[in-house]
């Protein structure tokens, strides 16, 4: 990331004993001034946040710490676990064909950014088919599209 980017720290809420597997997630962001930051990567664990969102954050204990969502980007965020590692790149390629961008965390977990102009229903329908076939599992992390599924 270029020098002008910073990482914004998000404290995660435990959903169960083992998930998420970390207490914090740090997302790359571009400072906009006056304590505002535009997020520049797809979250893996933070819920209700998407790439391109503008957030307020404060300097604290050597870190820039999230305090509030200021403006939604319109993008939705999905999480995908691909069970067969050899299929990860195929799944990423298919999601990119829909117009989504993906980020890989570890070897089989994808953060998926679904921009506002992409048909979220089509992406979710394909993922549901793949999930029914036992190839992957997915969940909605932040749904922002109009006519939400």
N, C-alpha and C. Protein backbone atom coordinates (compact mmCIF):
# COMPACT_ATOMS: atom_id res chain seq x y z
N UNK A 1 0.85 -1.19 0.00
CA UNK A 1 0.00 0.00 0.00
C UNK A 1 0.89 1.24 0.00
N UNK A 2 0.44 2.27 -0.67
CA UNK A 2 1.21 3.51 -0.67
C UNK A 2 1.34 4.09 0.74
N UNK A 3 2.34 4.95 0.91
CA UNK A 3 2.63 5.53 2.23
C UNK A 3 1.45 6.28 2.82
N UNK A 4 0.59 6.88 1.99
CA UNK A 4 -0.51 7.68 2.53
C UNK A 4 -1.64 6.83 3.12
N UNK A 5 -1.55 5.53 3.00
CA UNK A 5 -2.58 4.66 3.57
C UNK A 5 -2.24 4.32 5.01
N UNK A 6 -3.27 4.09 5.80
CA UNK A 6 -3.10 3.66 7.19
C UNK A 6 -4.00 2.45 7.41
N UNK A 7 -3.78 1.76 8.50
CA UNK A 7 -4.66 0.67 8.88
C UNK A 7 -5.58 1.15 9.99
N UNK A 8 -6.88 0.89 9.80
CA UNK A 8 -7.87 1.23 10.82
C UNK A 8 -8.21 -0.06 11.56
N UNK A 9 -8.15 0.01 12.88
CA UNK A 9 -8.39 -1.15 13.72
C UNK A 9 -9.87 -1.24 14.10
N UNK A 10 -10.44 -2.44 13.90
CA UNK A 10 -11.83 -2.73 14.27
C UNK A 10 -11.80 -3.81 15.35
N UNK A 11 -12.45 -3.56 16.46
CA UNK A 11 -12.61 -4.59 17.51
C UNK A 11 -13.75 -5.50 17.08
N UNK A 12 -13.54 -6.80 17.14
CA UNK A 12 -14.53 -7.77 16.69
C UNK A 12 -15.30 -8.34 17.87
N UNK A 13 -16.58 -8.56 17.63
CA UNK A 13 -17.44 -9.21 18.62
C UNK A 13 -17.39 -10.71 18.36
N UNK A 14 -17.21 -11.49 19.41
CA UNK A 14 -17.23 -12.95 19.28
C UNK A 14 -18.65 -13.42 18.99
N UNK A 15 -18.82 -14.19 17.92
CA UNK A 15 -20.12 -14.75 17.58
C UNK A 15 -20.34 -16.09 18.27
N UNK A 16 -19.25 -16.81 18.47
CA UNK A 16 -19.26 -18.01 19.29
C UNK A 16 -17.85 -18.20 19.82
N UNK A 17 -17.61 -19.30 20.48
CA UNK A 17 -16.33 -19.51 21.15
C UNK A 17 -15.13 -19.40 20.21
N UNK A 18 -15.27 -19.87 18.98
CA UNK A 18 -14.13 -19.93 18.06
C UNK A 18 -14.20 -18.93 16.90
N UNK A 19 -15.24 -18.13 16.83
CA UNK A 19 -15.39 -17.26 15.66
C UNK A 19 -15.82 -15.86 16.07
N UNK A 20 -15.18 -14.87 15.49
CA UNK A 20 -14.02 -14.97 14.61
C UNK A 20 -12.77 -15.42 15.37
N UNK A 21 -11.78 -15.91 14.64
CA UNK A 21 -10.59 -16.48 15.28
C UNK A 21 -9.62 -15.42 15.82
N UNK A 22 -9.93 -14.15 15.61
CA UNK A 22 -9.09 -13.05 16.08
C UNK A 22 -9.97 -12.03 16.81
N UNK A 23 -9.34 -11.18 17.62
CA UNK A 23 -10.08 -10.17 18.36
C UNK A 23 -10.21 -8.86 17.60
N UNK A 24 -9.29 -8.63 16.64
CA UNK A 24 -9.25 -7.37 15.90
C UNK A 24 -9.02 -7.65 14.42
N UNK A 25 -9.49 -6.73 13.61
CA UNK A 25 -9.15 -6.76 12.18
C UNK A 25 -8.71 -5.35 11.81
N UNK A 26 -7.66 -5.28 11.02
CA UNK A 26 -7.14 -4.00 10.55
C UNK A 26 -7.37 -3.90 9.05
N UNK A 27 -8.02 -2.81 8.64
CA UNK A 27 -8.33 -2.61 7.22
C UNK A 27 -7.56 -1.40 6.69
N UNK A 28 -7.02 -1.53 5.48
CA UNK A 28 -6.33 -0.42 4.84
C UNK A 28 -7.34 0.67 4.52
N UNK A 29 -6.91 1.91 4.73
CA UNK A 29 -7.80 3.04 4.48
C UNK A 29 -6.98 4.26 4.03
N UNK A 30 -7.64 5.10 3.29
CA UNK A 30 -7.04 6.35 2.81
C UNK A 30 -7.56 7.49 3.69
N UNK A 31 -6.65 8.22 4.37
CA UNK A 31 -7.09 9.34 5.19
C UNK A 31 -7.73 10.44 4.33
N UNK A 32 -8.88 10.94 4.79
CA UNK A 32 -9.59 12.01 4.09
C UNK A 32 -9.49 13.33 4.85
N UNK A 33 -8.93 13.29 6.04
CA UNK A 33 -8.84 14.48 6.89
C UNK A 33 -9.96 14.49 7.90
N UNK A 34 -9.77 15.28 8.95
CA UNK A 34 -10.77 15.47 10.00
C UNK A 34 -11.24 14.15 10.62
N UNK A 35 -10.33 13.18 10.74
CA UNK A 35 -10.66 11.92 11.38
C UNK A 35 -11.48 10.96 10.54
N UNK A 36 -11.56 11.23 9.21
CA UNK A 36 -12.33 10.36 8.31
C UNK A 36 -11.37 9.55 7.43
N UNK A 37 -11.80 8.31 7.12
CA UNK A 37 -10.98 7.40 6.34
C UNK A 37 -11.86 6.61 5.38
N UNK A 38 -11.38 6.44 4.14
CA UNK A 38 -12.10 5.62 3.15
C UNK A 38 -11.44 4.25 3.10
N UNK A 39 -12.20 3.21 3.41
CA UNK A 39 -11.67 1.84 3.45
C UNK A 39 -11.31 1.36 2.05
N UNK A 40 -10.16 0.68 1.96
CA UNK A 40 -9.66 0.29 0.65
C UNK A 40 -9.37 -1.20 0.55
N UNK A 41 -9.93 -2.00 1.41
CA UNK A 41 -9.87 -3.44 1.19
C UNK A 41 -11.11 -4.11 1.76
N UNK A 42 -11.28 -5.37 1.39
CA UNK A 42 -12.48 -6.12 1.76
C UNK A 42 -12.28 -6.73 3.15
N UNK A 43 -13.20 -6.49 4.07
CA UNK A 43 -13.06 -7.10 5.39
C UNK A 43 -13.30 -8.61 5.34
N UNK A 44 -12.60 -9.32 6.21
CA UNK A 44 -12.82 -10.76 6.34
C UNK A 44 -13.74 -11.08 7.51
N UNK A 45 -13.67 -10.30 8.57
CA UNK A 45 -14.42 -10.63 9.78
C UNK A 45 -15.36 -9.53 10.26
N UNK A 46 -15.06 -8.27 9.96
CA UNK A 46 -15.91 -7.16 10.43
C UNK A 46 -17.25 -7.25 9.72
N UNK A 47 -18.32 -7.13 10.48
CA UNK A 47 -19.67 -7.14 9.91
C UNK A 47 -20.15 -5.70 9.74
N UNK A 48 -21.01 -5.47 8.71
CA UNK A 48 -21.62 -4.17 8.51
C UNK A 48 -20.70 -3.13 7.92
N UNK A 49 -19.57 -3.55 7.38
CA UNK A 49 -18.59 -2.65 6.78
C UNK A 49 -18.20 -3.22 5.43
N UNK A 50 -18.03 -2.32 4.45
CA UNK A 50 -17.65 -2.75 3.10
C UNK A 50 -16.53 -1.86 2.56
N UNK A 51 -15.84 -2.37 1.56
CA UNK A 51 -14.81 -1.58 0.87
C UNK A 51 -15.45 -0.30 0.34
N UNK A 52 -14.72 0.80 0.46
CA UNK A 52 -15.22 2.08 -0.02
C UNK A 52 -16.02 2.87 1.00
N UNK A 53 -16.41 2.24 2.11
CA UNK A 53 -17.11 2.96 3.16
C UNK A 53 -16.20 4.05 3.73
N UNK A 54 -16.81 5.12 4.19
CA UNK A 54 -16.08 6.17 4.90
C UNK A 54 -16.40 6.00 6.38
N UNK A 55 -15.33 5.92 7.18
CA UNK A 55 -15.50 5.72 8.62
C UNK A 55 -14.78 6.83 9.38
N UNK A 56 -15.25 7.07 10.59
CA UNK A 56 -14.56 7.95 11.52
C UNK A 56 -13.68 7.06 12.39
N UNK A 57 -12.48 7.53 12.67
CA UNK A 57 -11.56 6.79 13.52
C UNK A 57 -10.71 7.78 14.30
N UNK A 58 -10.20 7.30 15.43
CA UNK A 58 -9.40 8.16 16.29
C UNK A 58 -8.07 7.50 16.59
N UNK A 59 -7.05 8.33 16.73
CA UNK A 59 -5.74 7.84 17.13
C UNK A 59 -5.81 7.39 18.58
N UNK A 60 -5.34 6.20 18.85
CA UNK A 60 -5.36 5.70 20.22
C UNK A 60 -4.34 4.61 20.41
N UNK A 61 -3.47 4.75 21.39
CA UNK A 61 -2.46 3.73 21.73
C UNK A 61 -1.66 3.29 20.51
N UNK A 62 -1.25 4.25 19.67
CA UNK A 62 -0.43 3.94 18.51
C UNK A 62 -1.19 3.36 17.34
N UNK A 63 -2.50 3.31 17.42
CA UNK A 63 -3.33 2.75 16.35
C UNK A 63 -4.42 3.74 15.98
N UNK A 64 -4.91 3.62 14.77
CA UNK A 64 -6.09 4.37 14.34
C UNK A 64 -7.27 3.44 14.57
N UNK A 65 -8.18 3.83 15.46
CA UNK A 65 -9.24 2.94 15.93
C UNK A 65 -10.60 3.41 15.41
N UNK A 66 -11.33 2.49 14.78
CA UNK A 66 -12.68 2.76 14.26
C UNK A 66 -13.59 3.27 15.36
N UNK A 67 -14.39 4.31 15.01
CA UNK A 67 -15.39 4.77 15.98
C UNK A 67 -16.80 4.78 15.40
N UNK A 68 -16.95 5.04 14.08
CA UNK A 68 -18.31 5.07 13.52
C UNK A 68 -18.28 4.96 12.00
N UNK A 69 -19.35 4.39 11.46
CA UNK A 69 -19.57 4.40 10.02
C UNK A 69 -20.18 5.75 9.67
N UNK A 70 -19.58 6.45 8.71
CA UNK A 70 -20.05 7.78 8.33
C UNK A 70 -20.85 7.74 7.04
N UNK A 71 -20.34 7.01 6.03
CA UNK A 71 -21.03 6.95 4.75
C UNK A 71 -20.81 5.58 4.11
N UNK A 72 -21.91 4.94 3.74
CA UNK A 72 -21.84 3.63 3.08
C UNK A 72 -21.43 3.82 1.62
N UNK A 73 -20.64 2.90 1.12
CA UNK A 73 -20.18 2.96 -0.27
C UNK A 73 -21.22 2.45 -1.26
N UNK A 74 -22.15 1.64 -0.80
CA UNK A 74 -23.11 1.00 -1.70
C UNK A 74 -22.70 -0.41 -2.06
N UNK A 75 -21.45 -0.78 -1.76
CA UNK A 75 -20.98 -2.14 -2.01
C UNK A 75 -21.46 -3.07 -0.92
N UNK A 76 -21.65 -4.32 -1.29
CA UNK A 76 -21.97 -5.37 -0.32
C UNK A 76 -20.73 -6.24 -0.13
N UNK A 77 -20.66 -6.92 1.02
CA UNK A 77 -19.54 -7.79 1.32
C UNK A 77 -20.06 -9.18 1.64
N UNK A 78 -19.44 -10.19 1.02
CA UNK A 78 -19.76 -11.59 1.29
C UNK A 78 -18.48 -12.28 1.75
N UNK A 79 -18.65 -13.38 2.48
CA UNK A 79 -17.52 -14.22 2.86
C UNK A 79 -17.74 -15.61 2.27
N UNK A 80 -16.68 -16.17 1.74
CA UNK A 80 -16.77 -17.49 1.11
C UNK A 80 -15.64 -18.37 1.62
N UNK A 81 -15.99 -19.59 1.99
CA UNK A 81 -15.00 -20.64 2.30
C UNK A 81 -15.11 -21.68 1.20
N UNK A 82 -14.02 -21.90 0.50
CA UNK A 82 -13.98 -22.92 -0.57
C UNK A 82 -13.37 -24.17 0.04
N UNK A 83 -14.11 -25.26 0.03
CA UNK A 83 -13.66 -26.47 0.72
C UNK A 83 -12.46 -27.13 0.05
N UNK A 84 -12.43 -27.13 -1.28
CA UNK A 84 -11.33 -27.74 -2.03
C UNK A 84 -10.37 -26.64 -2.47
N UNK A 85 -9.18 -26.60 -1.85
CA UNK A 85 -8.20 -25.56 -2.16
C UNK A 85 -7.89 -25.44 -3.64
N UNK A 86 -7.97 -26.54 -4.36
CA UNK A 86 -7.64 -26.50 -5.79
C UNK A 86 -8.69 -25.72 -6.59
N UNK A 87 -9.85 -25.44 -5.99
CA UNK A 87 -10.92 -24.71 -6.70
C UNK A 87 -10.96 -23.21 -6.36
N UNK A 88 -10.11 -22.77 -5.44
CA UNK A 88 -10.16 -21.38 -4.98
C UNK A 88 -10.02 -20.41 -6.14
N UNK A 89 -9.05 -20.61 -7.00
CA UNK A 89 -8.83 -19.68 -8.11
C UNK A 89 -9.99 -19.71 -9.11
N UNK A 90 -10.61 -20.87 -9.31
CA UNK A 90 -11.79 -20.95 -10.18
C UNK A 90 -12.95 -20.14 -9.60
N UNK A 91 -13.15 -20.23 -8.29
CA UNK A 91 -14.22 -19.47 -7.64
C UNK A 91 -13.93 -17.98 -7.74
N UNK A 92 -12.68 -17.60 -7.50
CA UNK A 92 -12.31 -16.18 -7.62
C UNK A 92 -12.54 -15.66 -9.04
N UNK A 93 -12.15 -16.46 -10.01
CA UNK A 93 -12.31 -16.07 -11.42
C UNK A 93 -13.79 -15.89 -11.75
N UNK A 94 -14.64 -16.80 -11.29
CA UNK A 94 -16.08 -16.69 -11.56
C UNK A 94 -16.67 -15.45 -10.91
N UNK A 95 -16.28 -15.17 -9.67
CA UNK A 95 -16.76 -13.97 -8.99
C UNK A 95 -16.30 -12.70 -9.72
N UNK A 96 -15.07 -12.73 -10.23
CA UNK A 96 -14.57 -11.58 -11.00
C UNK A 96 -15.35 -11.41 -12.30
N UNK A 97 -15.79 -12.51 -12.90
CA UNK A 97 -16.62 -12.42 -14.11
C UNK A 97 -17.94 -11.71 -13.82
N UNK A 98 -18.46 -11.87 -12.60
CA UNK A 98 -19.67 -11.15 -12.20
C UNK A 98 -19.40 -9.65 -12.01
N UNK A 99 -18.11 -9.30 -11.79
CA UNK A 99 -17.75 -7.91 -11.53
C UNK A 99 -17.33 -7.66 -10.10
N UNK A 100 -17.14 -8.73 -9.34
CA UNK A 100 -16.74 -8.61 -7.94
C UNK A 100 -15.21 -8.63 -7.84
N UNK A 101 -14.69 -8.07 -6.76
CA UNK A 101 -13.28 -8.25 -6.46
C UNK A 101 -13.20 -9.13 -5.22
N UNK A 102 -12.10 -9.85 -5.09
CA UNK A 102 -11.94 -10.76 -3.97
C UNK A 102 -10.58 -10.56 -3.32
N UNK A 103 -10.51 -10.91 -2.06
CA UNK A 103 -9.24 -10.97 -1.34
C UNK A 103 -9.18 -12.31 -0.65
N UNK A 104 -8.00 -12.89 -0.66
CA UNK A 104 -7.79 -14.23 -0.10
C UNK A 104 -7.17 -14.11 1.29
N UNK A 105 -7.80 -14.77 2.27
CA UNK A 105 -7.28 -14.84 3.63
C UNK A 105 -7.00 -16.31 3.90
N UNK A 106 -5.80 -16.61 4.31
CA UNK A 106 -5.33 -17.98 4.40
C UNK A 106 -5.52 -18.66 3.05
N UNK A 107 -5.77 -19.93 3.01
CA UNK A 107 -5.77 -20.59 1.71
C UNK A 107 -7.14 -20.79 1.09
N UNK A 108 -8.23 -20.70 1.90
CA UNK A 108 -9.54 -21.05 1.35
C UNK A 108 -10.64 -20.04 1.65
N UNK A 109 -10.34 -18.97 2.36
CA UNK A 109 -11.36 -17.99 2.74
C UNK A 109 -11.24 -16.74 1.88
N UNK A 110 -12.37 -16.34 1.28
CA UNK A 110 -12.40 -15.16 0.43
C UNK A 110 -13.29 -14.08 1.05
N UNK A 111 -12.81 -12.85 0.98
CA UNK A 111 -13.65 -11.69 1.21
C UNK A 111 -14.07 -11.22 -0.17
N UNK A 112 -15.35 -10.98 -0.38
CA UNK A 112 -15.86 -10.64 -1.71
C UNK A 112 -16.53 -9.27 -1.66
N UNK A 113 -16.06 -8.36 -2.50
CA UNK A 113 -16.68 -7.05 -2.64
C UNK A 113 -17.60 -7.10 -3.85
N UNK A 114 -18.88 -6.79 -3.62
CA UNK A 114 -19.88 -6.76 -4.68
C UNK A 114 -20.26 -5.29 -4.89
N UNK A 115 -19.68 -4.64 -5.92
CA UNK A 115 -19.97 -3.22 -6.16
C UNK A 115 -21.46 -3.00 -6.45
N UNK A 116 -21.94 -1.76 -6.24
CA UNK A 116 -23.37 -1.48 -6.38
C UNK A 116 -23.94 -1.81 -7.76
N UNK A 117 -23.13 -1.72 -8.80
CA UNK A 117 -23.63 -1.97 -10.15
C UNK A 117 -23.70 -3.45 -10.51
N UNK A 118 -23.16 -4.31 -9.65
CA UNK A 118 -23.18 -5.76 -9.88
C UNK A 118 -24.49 -6.34 -9.36
N UNK A 119 -25.04 -7.31 -10.08
CA UNK A 119 -26.29 -7.97 -9.71
C UNK A 119 -26.05 -8.92 -8.53
N UNK A 120 -26.32 -8.44 -7.33
CA UNK A 120 -26.11 -9.24 -6.12
C UNK A 120 -26.93 -10.52 -6.14
N UNK A 121 -28.15 -10.46 -6.68
CA UNK A 121 -29.00 -11.66 -6.73
C UNK A 121 -28.35 -12.75 -7.58
N UNK A 122 -27.73 -12.37 -8.69
CA UNK A 122 -27.06 -13.35 -9.56
C UNK A 122 -25.85 -13.96 -8.86
N UNK A 123 -25.08 -13.13 -8.17
CA UNK A 123 -23.90 -13.62 -7.45
C UNK A 123 -24.34 -14.60 -6.36
N UNK A 124 -25.35 -14.20 -5.58
CA UNK A 124 -25.82 -15.06 -4.49
C UNK A 124 -26.45 -16.35 -5.03
N UNK A 125 -27.15 -16.28 -6.16
CA UNK A 125 -27.75 -17.49 -6.75
C UNK A 125 -26.66 -18.48 -7.13
N UNK A 126 -25.58 -17.99 -7.75
CA UNK A 126 -24.48 -18.87 -8.12
C UNK A 126 -23.83 -19.47 -6.87
N UNK A 127 -23.60 -18.62 -5.85
CA UNK A 127 -23.01 -19.13 -4.62
C UNK A 127 -23.91 -20.15 -3.94
N UNK A 128 -25.22 -19.93 -3.97
CA UNK A 128 -26.16 -20.90 -3.38
C UNK A 128 -26.09 -22.24 -4.11
N UNK A 129 -25.99 -22.20 -5.44
CA UNK A 129 -25.85 -23.44 -6.20
C UNK A 129 -24.57 -24.18 -5.81
N UNK A 130 -23.48 -23.44 -5.70
CA UNK A 130 -22.19 -24.04 -5.32
C UNK A 130 -22.25 -24.58 -3.89
N UNK A 131 -22.94 -23.86 -3.02
CA UNK A 131 -23.08 -24.30 -1.64
C UNK A 131 -23.92 -25.58 -1.58
N UNK A 132 -25.01 -25.63 -2.33
CA UNK A 132 -25.87 -26.83 -2.38
C UNK A 132 -25.10 -28.03 -2.90
N UNK A 133 -24.13 -27.79 -3.79
CA UNK A 133 -23.32 -28.88 -4.34
C UNK A 133 -22.21 -29.29 -3.38
N UNK A 134 -22.06 -28.56 -2.25
CA UNK A 134 -21.04 -28.93 -1.27
C UNK A 134 -19.66 -28.38 -1.56
N UNK A 135 -19.55 -27.45 -2.52
CA UNK A 135 -18.25 -26.94 -2.93
C UNK A 135 -17.74 -25.83 -2.01
N UNK A 136 -18.68 -25.10 -1.42
CA UNK A 136 -18.28 -23.95 -0.61
C UNK A 136 -19.39 -23.60 0.37
N UNK A 137 -19.07 -22.66 1.23
CA UNK A 137 -20.06 -22.10 2.13
C UNK A 137 -19.88 -20.58 2.06
N UNK A 138 -21.00 -19.84 2.12
CA UNK A 138 -20.87 -18.39 2.10
C UNK A 138 -21.83 -17.76 3.07
N UNK A 139 -21.54 -16.50 3.42
CA UNK A 139 -22.42 -15.74 4.28
C UNK A 139 -22.39 -14.27 3.89
N UNK A 140 -23.47 -13.59 4.20
CA UNK A 140 -23.56 -12.15 3.99
C UNK A 140 -22.89 -11.46 5.18
N UNK A 141 -21.98 -10.54 4.89
CA UNK A 141 -21.31 -9.80 5.96
C UNK A 141 -21.79 -8.36 6.04
N UNK A 142 -22.17 -7.81 4.88
CA UNK A 142 -22.67 -6.43 4.82
C UNK A 142 -23.43 -6.29 3.51
N UNK A 143 -24.75 -6.24 3.58
CA UNK A 143 -25.57 -6.16 2.38
C UNK A 143 -26.09 -4.73 2.24
N UNK A 144 -25.74 -4.12 1.10
CA UNK A 144 -26.09 -2.70 0.87
C UNK A 144 -26.91 -2.49 -0.38
N UNK A 145 -27.02 -3.49 -1.23
CA UNK A 145 -27.72 -3.35 -2.50
C UNK A 145 -29.20 -3.06 -2.26
N UNK A 146 -29.78 -2.28 -3.15
CA UNK A 146 -31.24 -2.07 -3.12
C UNK A 146 -31.91 -3.39 -3.43
N UNK A 147 -33.08 -3.61 -2.90
CA UNK A 147 -33.79 -4.86 -3.14
C UNK A 147 -33.01 -6.03 -2.56
N UNK A 148 -32.55 -5.86 -1.35
CA UNK A 148 -31.69 -6.85 -0.70
C UNK A 148 -32.30 -8.23 -0.77
N UNK A 149 -31.43 -9.25 -0.83
CA UNK A 149 -31.93 -10.62 -0.97
C UNK A 149 -32.75 -11.08 0.22
